[in-house]
Amino acid sequence: MHTVLLTAGLDRSRFESLLVAGVVGEGEGDMSYFASAYGVKPTIIPELGREIGLKNDLIALYRLFGLIKKEKPDIVHTHTARAGALGRIAAILSGVSCVVHTFHGHVLHSYFGKFKTKFFILIECLLARFTSKIIVISPLQYYELCHQIKISPSNKFAIIPLGFDLIQFLTVEVHRGRLRRELRVSGDILLVGIIGRLTAIKNHALFLRSAARVLQKITNVRFLIVGDGKLAAELRELANDIRIQHKVIFLGWRDDMPTVYADLDLAVLTSLNEGTPVSLIEAMTSAKPVVATAVGGVPDIVINGRTGILVPSGDEEKLAAAIIGLLEDADKRRDFGKRAREFVRDRYTKERLFADMARLYQDLLSVPKR
């Protein structure tokens, strides 16, 4: 969504953008409908997917190199880990003088084992030397990457929060009741949702185990899992094993998120590692209270005790207690949701994103070439 909005939204009298993308992984939702809605037709390199593999990496690098040599861009701006590495290598080899990379999340902890993680950190440190500017999307992410992992000196970094087309989430109330009718769930049933890819880093297992604890105290609740991915079958099996399958609804991939948020009573995030999670921004814009693990940039957008509740990563008991506390207090849910919407409404607009990015690009291009 971020790259589509940038491609479509930057001032066309000043910028001409070409979006290059790979293909989605197994079980992941295809966002091409979103690109089409904004009139963006990406150039697709099939080998530029999420999964790492030497053969595909080399093919993708070759194709990126050829595309960059053909287009001769003033700026190459990369996103995500694999595309970010291959795209920057291709740009550097092609002689592009201005190379920018955005860390949305990162794979530098909680994804791989110790030695593989160290290898990826080394790669990022090397690439950073040839990167004109490294964009991070929250102050806490900046602190983590600059001062803890030490990817690069502070002067290489710029903090530019994400931006979204928020209108559809500011008006979710018009959709209220549709999801409940679809699921045949009555109004007295509380709906708790988690939105995201069904992968290990999102830690849906914690969500399910905490749900089991919640159900020991509150029975009129359903837990919605929105998204798809490799762990779908495993998570269904876990729900069966802990005997809460009748209280858990797997919605799969949805392209009507305002309809989903309209009927949620509470949004939850259980990730082990995050940049700025899109699902929380959408939920908060939809005036929903949130319970989330305090990882990455999450504490930059969730004000603990004001717009939601933050809990330690992996703490099943505290996550369940936070969910129970909000489900038992409708007034607090309403107050948190109202403050959440007010907090994100002006901070995460696409217009602010366009202005910030245009200013950065212009500043980088105005620096005399060596």
Foldseek 3Di string as FASTA:
>chain_A
DQVLLLQLPFDPVVDHDAAEAEDEDPQFDDCVVVSVVSVHDHHYDHLRYDDDDDVSLVSVLVVLLVVCLVVVDLEAEEEDQSRLLSNLVSCVVNPRQAYEYEYFWHCLPDNDDDVVSVVSLVSLLVSLVRHQAYEAAAPLLLCCDCPPSNSDHPVRYDHHHAADALPLLLPLLVLAPVVCVVVVQDPQAAEEEEEDEPDVQQPCVLVLLLVLVLCVPDVRYAYEYEETYDCPVVVCVSCVVSVNNVRYHYPYYDPPVSNVLNHHQEYETQGPIGRDDPVLLSNLLNLFAYEYEPHHRPCVLQPDPQQYHYDHHPDSVVSSVRVNVSVVDSVSRNRSSVVSSVRNVPRHHSVSSNVVVVVVVVVSVVPDDD
